[in-house]
Amino acid sequence: MHVIIRIEMDKEKVNIGKIATLINQHNADLIAIDVIRETSKQTIRDISIKVSNEAVQIKVIDALKETEGGVHVKHISDRTFLIHLGGKVRNSA
């Protein structure tokens, strides 16, 4: 199960290494990090992770939300949702 978590980080309080470590500590695999926007003090990033089940997903998201200062979870998407954006799913025979 793949999940994309958009976070906003205060670069003076937390770094991406801490986020990567946190993801690993909760038994999830870090797949990709995409920088969406960045200033000298803040960055918005999409963090793609692979989790074995929904319980692991919830643990990772909760841990990100509980990170001491500097991290705000803005949005969570799964891969299936993103594939279906903008149109209907069709099956042609």
PDB file of N, CA and C in Angstrom:
ATOM      1  N   MET A   1       0.845  -1.167   0.000  1.00  0.00           N
ATOM      2  CA  MET A   1       0.000   0.000   0.000  1.00  0.00           C
ATOM      3  C   MET A   1       0.896   1.236   0.000  1.00  0.00           C
ATOM      4  N   HIS A   2       0.701   2.104  -1.000  1.00  0.00           N
ATOM      5  CA  HIS A   2       1.481   3.335  -1.116  1.00  0.00           C
ATOM      6  C   HIS A   2       0.658   4.528  -0.657  1.00  0.00           C
ATOM      7  N   VAL A   3       1.302   5.422   0.060  1.00  0.00           N
ATOM      8  CA  VAL A   3       0.644   6.613   0.582  1.00  0.00           C
ATOM      9  C   VAL A   3       1.542   7.814   0.312  1.00  0.00           C
ATOM     10  N   ILE A   4       0.918   8.934  -0.036  1.00  0.00           N
ATOM     11  CA  ILE A   4       1.670  10.174  -0.214  1.00  0.00           C
ATOM     12  C   ILE A   4       1.195  11.154   0.850  1.00  0.00           C
ATOM     13  N   ILE A   5       2.139  11.641   1.641  1.00  0.00           N
ATOM     14  CA  ILE A   5       1.822  12.557   2.735  1.00  0.00           C
ATOM     15  C   ILE A   5       2.465  13.898   2.420  1.00  0.00           C
ATOM     16  N   ARG A   6       1.649  14.929   2.308  1.00  0.00           N
ATOM     17  CA  ARG A   6       2.193  16.281   2.089  1.00  0.00           C
ATOM     18  C   ARG A   6       2.415  16.920   3.454  1.00  0.00           C
ATOM     19  N   ILE A   7       3.655  17.331   3.693  1.00  0.00           N
ATOM     20  CA  ILE A   7       3.978  17.980   4.957  1.00  0.00           C
ATOM     21  C   ILE A   7       4.573  19.357   4.696  1.00  0.00           C
ATOM     22  N   GLU A   8       4.364  20.220   5.661  1.00  0.00           N
ATOM     23  CA  GLU A   8       5.031  21.519   5.679  1.00  0.00           C
ATOM     24  C   GLU A   8       5.999  21.485   6.846  1.00  0.00           C
ATOM     25  N   MET A   9       7.252  21.815   6.590  1.00  0.00           N
ATOM     26  CA  MET A   9       8.285  21.734   7.616  1.00  0.00           C
ATOM     27  C   MET A   9       8.910  23.088   7.876  1.00  0.00           C
ATOM     28  N   ASP A  10       9.135  23.383   9.134  1.00  0.00           N
ATOM     29  CA  ASP A  10       9.928  24.535   9.536  1.00  0.00           C
ATOM     30  C   ASP A  10      11.381  24.067   9.532  1.00  0.00           C
ATOM     31  N   LYS A  11      12.168  24.543   8.580  1.00  0.00           N
ATOM     32  CA  LYS A  11      13.531  24.058   8.391  1.00  0.00           C
ATOM     33  C   LYS A  11      14.462  24.396   9.554  1.00  0.00           C
ATOM     34  N   GLU A  12      14.078  25.352  10.382  1.00  0.00           N
ATOM     35  CA  GLU A  12      14.904  25.692  11.534  1.00  0.00           C
ATOM     36  C   GLU A  12      14.683  24.729  12.701  1.00  0.00           C
ATOM     37  N   LYS A  13      13.572  23.983  12.679  1.00  0.00           N
ATOM     38  CA  LYS A  13      13.234  23.097  13.789  1.00  0.00           C
ATOM     39  C   LYS A  13      13.370  21.618  13.470  1.00  0.00           C
ATOM     40  N   VAL A  14      13.261  21.242  12.200  1.00  0.00           N
ATOM     41  CA  VAL A  14      13.298  19.825  11.828  1.00  0.00           C
ATOM     42  C   VAL A  14      13.926  19.696  10.443  1.00  0.00           C
ATOM     43  N   ASN A  15      14.569  18.558  10.201  1.00  0.00           N
ATOM     44  CA  ASN A  15      15.146  18.325   8.876  1.00  0.00           C
ATOM     45  C   ASN A  15      14.581  17.033   8.290  1.00  0.00           C
ATOM     46  N   ILE A  16      14.820  16.850   7.010  1.00  0.00           N
ATOM     47  CA  ILE A  16      14.245  15.694   6.317  1.00  0.00           C
ATOM     48  C   ILE A  16      14.824  14.381   6.831  1.00  0.00           C
ATOM     49  N   GLY A  17      16.041  14.418   7.351  1.00  0.00           N
ATOM     50  CA  GLY A  17      16.627  13.216   7.939  1.00  0.00           C
ATOM     51  C   GLY A  17      15.824  12.705   9.121  1.00  0.00           C
ATOM     52  N   LYS A  18      15.358  13.626   9.944  1.00  0.00           N
ATOM     53  CA  LYS A  18      14.531  13.244  11.093  1.00  0.00           C
ATOM     54  C   LYS A  18      13.220  12.608  10.627  1.00  0.00           C
ATOM     55  N   ILE A  19      12.640  13.156   9.554  1.00  0.00           N
ATOM     56  CA  ILE A  19      11.395  12.609   9.013  1.00  0.00           C
ATOM     57  C   ILE A  19      11.636  11.199   8.458  1.00  0.00           C
ATOM     58  N   ALA A  20      12.735  11.018   7.733  1.00  0.00           N
ATOM     59  CA  ALA A  20      13.065   9.704   7.169  1.00  0.00           C
ATOM     60  C   ALA A  20      13.277   8.671   8.282  1.00  0.00           C
ATOM     61  N   THR A  21      13.968   9.063   9.330  1.00  0.00           N
ATOM     62  CA  THR A  21      14.196   8.164  10.463  1.00  0.00           C
ATOM     63  C   THR A  21      12.885   7.781  11.130  1.00  0.00           C
ATOM     64  N   LEU A  22      12.014   8.758  11.330  1.00  0.00           N
ATOM     65  CA  LEU A  22      10.717   8.507  11.950  1.00  0.00           C
ATOM     66  C   LEU A  22       9.909   7.502  11.126  1.00  0.00           C
ATOM     67  N   ILE A  23       9.907   7.661   9.810  1.00  0.00           N
ATOM     68  CA  ILE A  23       9.174   6.742   8.927  1.00  0.00           C
ATOM     69  C   ILE A  23       9.731   5.326   9.072  1.00  0.00           C
ATOM     70  N   ASN A  24      11.045   5.204   9.069  1.00  0.00           N
ATOM     71  CA  ASN A  24      11.680   3.898   9.211  1.00  0.00           C
ATOM     72  C   ASN A  24      11.383   3.265  10.569  1.00  0.00           C
ATOM     73  N   GLN A  25      11.370   4.056  11.616  1.00  0.00           N
ATOM     74  CA  GLN A  25      11.116   3.544  12.968  1.00  0.00           C
ATOM     75  C   GLN A  25       9.704   2.996  13.119  1.00  0.00           C
ATOM     76  N   HIS A  26       8.809   3.387  12.223  1.00  0.00           N
ATOM     77  CA  HIS A  26       7.421   2.914  12.290  1.00  0.00           C
ATOM     78  C   HIS A  26       7.129   1.861  11.212  1.00  0.00           C
ATOM     79  N   ASN A  27       8.184   1.171  10.771  1.00  0.00           N
ATOM     80  CA  ASN A  27       8.075   0.041   9.844  1.00  0.00           C
ATOM     81  C   ASN A  27       7.468   0.383   8.492  1.00  0.00           C
ATOM     82  N   ALA A  28       7.772   1.566   8.004  1.00  0.00           N
ATOM     83  CA  ALA A  28       7.349   1.969   6.664  1.00  0.00           C
ATOM     84  C   ALA A  28       8.597   2.212   5.826  1.00  0.00           C
ATOM     85  N   ASP A  29       8.454   2.073   4.516  1.00  0.00           N
ATOM     86  CA  ASP A  29       9.570   2.310   3.599  1.00  0.00           C
ATOM     87  C   ASP A  29       9.397   3.661   2.931  1.00  0.00           C
ATOM     88  N   LEU A  30      10.442   4.452   2.938  1.00  0.00           N
ATOM     89  CA  LEU A  30      10.446   5.737   2.255  1.00  0.00           C
ATOM     90  C   LEU A  30      10.719   5.475   0.777  1.00  0.00           C
ATOM     91  N   ILE A  31       9.793   5.876  -0.081  1.00  0.00           N
ATOM     92  CA  ILE A  31       9.907   5.615  -1.514  1.00  0.00           C
ATOM     93  C   ILE A  31      10.440   6.837  -2.258  1.00  0.00           C
ATOM     94  N   ALA A  32       9.890   8.026  -1.939  1.00  0.00           N
ATOM     95  CA  ALA A  32      10.306   9.236  -2.657  1.00  0.00           C
ATOM     96  C   ALA A  32      10.013  10.477  -1.827  1.00  0.00           C
ATOM     97  N   ILE A  33      10.790  11.529  -2.116  1.00  0.00           N
ATOM     98  CA  ILE A  33      10.563  12.839  -1.510  1.00  0.00           C
ATOM     99  C   ILE A  33      10.539  13.851  -2.648  1.00  0.00           C
ATOM    100  N   ASP A  34       9.429  14.549  -2.797  1.00  0.00           N
ATOM    101  CA  ASP A  34       9.304  15.585  -3.826  1.00  0.00           C
ATOM    102  C   ASP A  34       9.164  16.946  -3.159  1.00  0.00           C
ATOM    103  N   VAL A  35      10.006  17.892  -3.557  1.00  0.00           N
ATOM    104  CA  VAL A  35       9.913  19.250  -3.036  1.00  0.00           C
ATOM    105  C   VAL A  35       8.849  19.985  -3.845  1.00  0.00           C
ATOM    106  N   ILE A  36       7.826  20.475  -3.159  1.00  0.00           N
ATOM    107  CA  ILE A  36       6.732  21.190  -3.812  1.00  0.00           C
ATOM    108  C   ILE A  36       7.014  22.691  -3.823  1.00  0.00           C
ATOM    109  N   ARG A  37       7.437  23.201  -2.676  1.00  0.00           N
ATOM    110  CA  ARG A  37       7.778  24.621  -2.552  1.00  0.00           C
ATOM    111  C   ARG A  37       8.786  24.767  -1.421  1.00  0.00           C
ATOM    112  N   GLU A  38       9.686  25.744  -1.588  1.00  0.00           N
ATOM    113  CA  GLU A  38      10.702  25.926  -0.555  1.00  0.00           C
ATOM    114  C   GLU A  38      11.073  27.393  -0.430  1.00  0.00           C
ATOM    115  N   THR A  39      11.212  27.825   0.820  1.00  0.00           N
ATOM    116  CA  THR A  39      11.739  29.148   1.129  1.00  0.00           C
ATOM    117  C   THR A  39      12.937  28.941   2.052  1.00  0.00           C
ATOM    118  N   SER A  40      13.513  30.023   2.509  1.00  0.00           N
ATOM    119  CA  SER A  40      14.668  29.878   3.401  1.00  0.00           C
ATOM    120  C   SER A  40      14.288  29.279   4.755  1.00  0.00           C
ATOM    121  N   LYS A  41      13.015  29.413   5.151  1.00  0.00           N
ATOM    122  CA  LYS A  41      12.600  28.930   6.468  1.00  0.00           C
ATOM    123  C   LYS A  41      11.655  27.737   6.430  1.00  0.00           C
ATOM    124  N   GLN A  42      10.918  27.552   5.341  1.00  0.00           N
ATOM    125  CA  GLN A  42       9.942  26.467   5.276  1.00  0.00           C
ATOM    126  C   GLN A  42      10.046  25.712   3.966  1.00  0.00           C
ATOM    127  N   THR A  43       9.578  24.467   4.007  1.00  0.00           N
ATOM    128  CA  THR A  43       9.499  23.660   2.800  1.00  0.00           C
ATOM    129  C   THR A  43       8.229  22.821   2.839  1.00  0.00           C
ATOM    130  N   ILE A  44       7.630  22.636   1.693  1.00  0.00           N
ATOM    131  CA  ILE A  44       6.487  21.732   1.551  1.00  0.00           C
ATOM    132  C   ILE A  44       6.966  20.578   0.690  1.00  0.00           C
ATOM    133  N   ARG A  45       6.756  19.367   1.207  1.00  0.00           N
ATOM    134  CA  ARG A  45       7.233  18.176   0.503  1.00  0.00           C
ATOM    135  C   ARG A  45       6.161  17.095   0.484  1.00  0.00           C
ATOM    136  N   ASP A  46       6.149  16.347  -0.614  1.00  0.00           N
ATOM    137  CA  ASP A  46       5.336  15.142  -0.700  1.00  0.00           C
ATOM    138  C   ASP A  46       6.237  13.968  -0.375  1.00  0.00           C
ATOM    139  N   ILE A  47       5.876  13.237   0.660  1.00  0.00           N
ATOM    140  CA  ILE A  47       6.642  12.083   1.112  1.00  0.00           C
ATOM    141  C   ILE A  47       5.873  10.832   0.702  1.00  0.00           C
ATOM    142  N   SER A  48       6.440  10.039  -0.188  1.00  0.00           N
ATOM    143  CA  SER A  48       5.803   8.786  -0.622  1.00  0.00           C
ATOM    144  C   SER A  48       6.371   7.646   0.204  1.00  0.00           C
ATOM    145  N   ILE A  49       5.461   6.883   0.815  1.00  0.00           N
ATOM    146  CA  ILE A  49       5.884   5.755   1.640  1.00  0.00           C
ATOM    147  C   ILE A  49       5.111   4.503   1.244  1.00  0.00           C
ATOM    148  N   LYS A  50       5.690   3.369   1.586  1.00  0.00           N
ATOM    149  CA  LYS A  50       5.031   2.085   1.402  1.00  0.00           C
ATOM    150  C   LYS A  50       4.817   1.495   2.783  1.00  0.00           C
ATOM    151  N   VAL A  51       3.569   1.119   3.047  1.00  0.00           N
ATOM    152  CA  VAL A  51       3.219   0.525   4.342  1.00  0.00           C
ATOM    153  C   VAL A  51       2.555  -0.827   4.102  1.00  0.00           C
ATOM    154  N   SER A  52       2.654  -1.684   5.088  1.00  0.00           N
ATOM    155  CA  SER A  52       2.085  -3.029   4.938  1.00  0.00           C
ATOM    156  C   SER A  52       0.577  -3.062   5.160  1.00  0.00           C
ATOM    157  N   ASN A  53       0.074  -2.097   5.922  1.00  0.00           N
ATOM    158  CA  ASN A  53      -1.375  -2.078   6.189  1.00  0.00           C
ATOM    159  C   ASN A  53      -1.783  -0.700   6.718  1.00  0.00           C
ATOM    160  N   GLU A  54      -3.066  -0.529   6.917  1.00  0.00           N
ATOM    161  CA  GLU A  54      -3.595   0.760   7.352  1.00  0.00           C
ATOM    162  C   GLU A  54      -3.132   1.129   8.764  1.00  0.00           C
ATOM    163  N   ALA A  55      -2.940   0.144   9.608  1.00  0.00           N
ATOM    164  CA  ALA A  55      -2.491   0.424  10.980  1.00  0.00           C
ATOM    165  C   ALA A  55      -1.109   1.081  10.969  1.00  0.00           C
ATOM    166  N   VAL A  56      -0.214   0.601  10.110  1.00  0.00           N
ATOM    167  CA  VAL A  56       1.117   1.201  10.000  1.00  0.00           C
ATOM    168  C   VAL A  56       1.001   2.617   9.449  1.00  0.00           C
ATOM    169  N   GLN A  57       0.140   2.793   8.456  1.00  0.00           N
ATOM    170  CA  GLN A  57      -0.086   4.127   7.887  1.00  0.00           C
ATOM    171  C   GLN A  57      -0.511   5.113   8.969  1.00  0.00           C
ATOM    172  N   ILE A  58      -1.453   4.716   9.786  1.00  0.00           N
ATOM    173  CA  ILE A  58      -1.962   5.587  10.858  1.00  0.00           C
ATOM    174  C   ILE A  58      -0.853   5.904  11.861  1.00  0.00           C
ATOM    175  N   LYS A  59      -0.023   4.913  12.197  1.00  0.00           N
ATOM    176  CA  LYS A  59       1.075   5.141  13.143  1.00  0.00           C
ATOM    177  C   LYS A  59       2.072   6.170  12.605  1.00  0.00           C
ATOM    178  N   VAL A  60       2.406   6.066  11.312  1.00  0.00           N
ATOM    179  CA  VAL A  60       3.346   7.013  10.708  1.00  0.00           C
ATOM    180  C   VAL A  60       2.764   8.416  10.717  1.00  0.00           C
ATOM    181  N   ILE A  61       1.511   8.538  10.302  1.00  0.00           N
ATOM    182  CA  ILE A  61       0.868   9.854  10.248  1.00  0.00           C
ATOM    183  C   ILE A  61       0.757  10.460  11.638  1.00  0.00           C
ATOM    184  N   ASP A  62       0.367   9.656  12.616  1.00  0.00           N
ATOM    185  CA  ASP A  62       0.287  10.151  13.999  1.00  0.00           C
ATOM    186  C   ASP A  62       1.658  10.602  14.504  1.00  0.00           C
ATOM    187  N   ALA A  63       2.689   9.841  14.189  1.00  0.00           N
ATOM    188  CA  ALA A  63       4.043  10.200  14.624  1.00  0.00           C
ATOM    189  C   ALA A  63       4.484  11.514  13.984  1.00  0.00           C
ATOM    190  N   LEU A  64       4.160  11.715  12.707  1.00  0.00           N
ATOM    191  CA  LEU A  64       4.494  12.985  12.055  1.00  0.00           C
ATOM    192  C   LEU A  64       3.774  14.144  12.728  1.00  0.00           C
ATOM    193  N   LYS A  65       2.500  13.950  13.035  1.00  0.00           N
ATOM    194  CA  LYS A  65       1.713  15.012  13.681  1.00  0.00           C
ATOM    195  C   LYS A  65       2.230  15.337  15.076  1.00  0.00           C
ATOM    196  N   GLU A  66       2.826  14.339  15.736  1.00  0.00           N
ATOM    197  CA  GLU A  66       3.312  14.528  17.106  1.00  0.00           C
ATOM    198  C   GLU A  66       4.769  14.994  17.169  1.00  0.00           C
ATOM    199  N   THR A  67       5.401  15.164  16.013  1.00  0.00           N
ATOM    200  CA  THR A  67       6.794  15.604  15.986  1.00  0.00           C
ATOM    201  C   THR A  67       6.898  16.973  16.647  1.00  0.00           C
ATOM    202  N   GLU A  68       7.861  17.118  17.542  1.00  0.00           N
ATOM    203  CA  GLU A  68       8.059  18.369  18.271  1.00  0.00           C
ATOM    204  C   GLU A  68       8.321  19.529  17.324  1.00  0.00           C
ATOM    205  N   GLY A  69       7.354  20.399  17.179  1.00  0.00           N
ATOM    206  CA  GLY A  69       7.512  21.626  16.402  1.00  0.00           C
ATOM    207  C   GLY A  69       8.029  21.421  14.998  1.00  0.00           C
ATOM    208  N   GLY A  70       7.531  22.191  14.107  1.00  0.00           N
ATOM    209  CA  GLY A  70       8.113  22.228  12.791  1.00  0.00           C
ATOM    210  C   GLY A  70       7.499  21.365  11.719  1.00  0.00           C
ATOM    211  N   VAL A  71       6.569  20.456  12.039  1.00  0.00           N
ATOM    212  CA  VAL A  71       5.956  19.607  11.017  1.00  0.00           C
ATOM    213  C   VAL A  71       4.440  19.741  11.076  1.00  0.00           C
ATOM    214  N   HIS A  72       3.855  19.985   9.895  1.00  0.00           N
ATOM    215  CA  HIS A  72       2.398  20.053   9.787  1.00  0.00           C
ATOM    216  C   HIS A  72       1.974  19.145   8.634  1.00  0.00           C
ATOM    217  N   VAL A  73       1.134  18.140   8.925  1.00  0.00           N
ATOM    218  CA  VAL A  73       0.613  17.260   7.883  1.00  0.00           C
ATOM    219  C   VAL A  73      -0.519  17.998   7.195  1.00  0.00           C
ATOM    220  N   LYS A  74      -0.329  18.291   5.903  1.00  0.00           N
ATOM    221  CA  LYS A  74      -1.300  19.080   5.153  1.00  0.00           C
ATOM    222  C   LYS A  74      -2.314  18.214   4.409  1.00  0.00           C
ATOM    223  N   HIS A  75      -1.869  17.055   3.911  1.00  0.00           N
ATOM    224  CA  HIS A  75      -2.754  16.230   3.085  1.00  0.00           C
ATOM    225  C   HIS A  75      -2.212  14.808   3.010  1.00  0.00           C
ATOM    226  N   ILE A  76      -3.123  13.849   2.877  1.00  0.00           N
ATOM    227  CA  ILE A  76      -2.756  12.445   2.736  1.00  0.00           C
ATOM    228  C   ILE A  76      -3.521  11.878   1.542  1.00  0.00           C
ATOM    229  N   SER A  77      -2.811  11.220   0.642  1.00  0.00           N
ATOM    230  CA  SER A  77      -3.437  10.599  -0.527  1.00  0.00           C
ATOM    231  C   SER A  77      -2.891   9.192  -0.691  1.00  0.00           C
ATOM    232  N   ASP A  78      -3.729   8.309  -1.212  1.00  0.00           N
ATOM    233  CA  ASP A  78      -3.191   7.009  -1.582  1.00  0.00           C
ATOM    234  C   ASP A  78      -3.090   6.931  -3.100  1.00  0.00           C
ATOM    235  N   ARG A  79      -2.325   5.988  -3.567  1.00  0.00           N
ATOM    236  CA  ARG A  79      -2.033   5.874  -4.991  1.00  0.00           C
ATOM    237  C   ARG A  79      -3.292   5.657  -5.827  1.00  0.00           C
ATOM    238  N   THR A  80      -4.218   4.845  -5.338  1.00  0.00           N
ATOM    239  CA  THR A  80      -5.452   4.574  -6.076  1.00  0.00           C
ATOM    240  C   THR A  80      -6.250   5.850  -6.268  1.00  0.00           C
ATOM    241  N   PHE A  81      -6.361   6.669  -5.228  1.00  0.00           N
ATOM    242  CA  PHE A  81      -7.071   7.938  -5.333  1.00  0.00           C
ATOM    243  C   PHE A  81      -6.449   8.816  -6.409  1.00  0.00           C
ATOM    244  N   LEU A  82      -5.140   8.921  -6.427  1.00  0.00           N
ATOM    245  CA  LEU A  82      -4.461   9.777  -7.390  1.00  0.00           C
ATOM    246  C   LEU A  82      -4.632   9.285  -8.824  1.00  0.00           C
ATOM    247  N   ILE A  83      -4.662   7.985  -9.012  1.00  0.00           N
ATOM    248  CA  ILE A  83      -4.860   7.428 -10.351  1.00  0.00           C
ATOM    249  C   ILE A  83      -6.236   7.799 -10.893  1.00  0.00           C
ATOM    250  N   HIS A  84      -7.215   7.872 -10.010  1.00  0.00           N
ATOM    251  CA  HIS A  84      -8.588   8.128 -10.430  1.00  0.00           C
ATOM    252  C   HIS A  84      -8.938   9.608 -10.556  1.00  0.00           C
ATOM    253  N   LEU A  85      -8.049  10.487 -10.186  1.00  0.00           N
ATOM    254  CA  LEU A  85      -8.337  11.913 -10.304  1.00  0.00           C
ATOM    255  C   LEU A  85      -8.611  12.289 -11.754  1.00  0.00           C
ATOM    256  N   GLY A  86      -9.634  13.088 -11.951  1.00  0.00           N
ATOM    257  CA  GLY A  86      -9.886  13.631 -13.278  1.00  0.00           C
ATOM    258  C   GLY A  86     -10.667  12.750 -14.215  1.00  0.00           C
ATOM    259  N   GLY A  87     -11.154  11.634 -13.792  1.00  0.00           N
ATOM    260  CA  GLY A  87     -11.939  10.828 -14.723  1.00  0.00           C
ATOM    261  C   GLY A  87     -12.474   9.572 -14.087  1.00  0.00           C
ATOM    262  N   LYS A  88     -13.293   8.892 -14.867  1.00  0.00           N
ATOM    263  CA  LYS A  88     -13.896   7.644 -14.405  1.00  0.00           C
ATOM    264  C   LYS A  88     -12.983   6.483 -14.757  1.00  0.00           C
ATOM    265  N   VAL A  89     -13.105   5.457 -13.979  1.00  0.00           N
ATOM    266  CA  VAL A  89     -12.382   4.236 -14.270  1.00  0.00           C
ATOM    267  C   VAL A  89     -13.232   3.426 -15.242  1.00  0.00           C
ATOM    268  N   ARG A  90     -12.635   3.006 -16.341  1.00  0.00           N
ATOM    269  CA  ARG A  90     -13.364   2.225 -17.324  1.00  0.00           C
ATOM    270  C   ARG A  90     -12.685   0.890 -17.523  1.00  0.00           C
ATOM    271  N   ASN A  91     -13.490  -0.062 -17.866  1.00  0.00           N
ATOM    272  CA  ASN A  91     -12.982  -1.376 -18.210  1.00  0.00           C
ATOM    273  C   ASN A  91     -13.505  -1.706 -19.593  1.00  0.00           C
ATOM    274  N   SER A  92     -12.613  -1.875 -20.552  1.00  0.00           N
ATOM    275  CA  SER A  92     -13.070  -2.190 -21.902  1.00  0.00           C
ATOM    276  C   SER A  92     -12.713  -3.628 -22.229  1.00  0.00           C
ATOM    277  N   ALA A  93     -13.618  -4.275 -22.914  1.00  0.00           N
ATOM    278  CA  ALA A  93     -13.403  -5.688 -23.245  1.00  0.00           C
ATOM    279  C   ALA A  93     -13.014  -5.846 -24.698  1.00  0.00           C
TER     280      ALA A  93
END
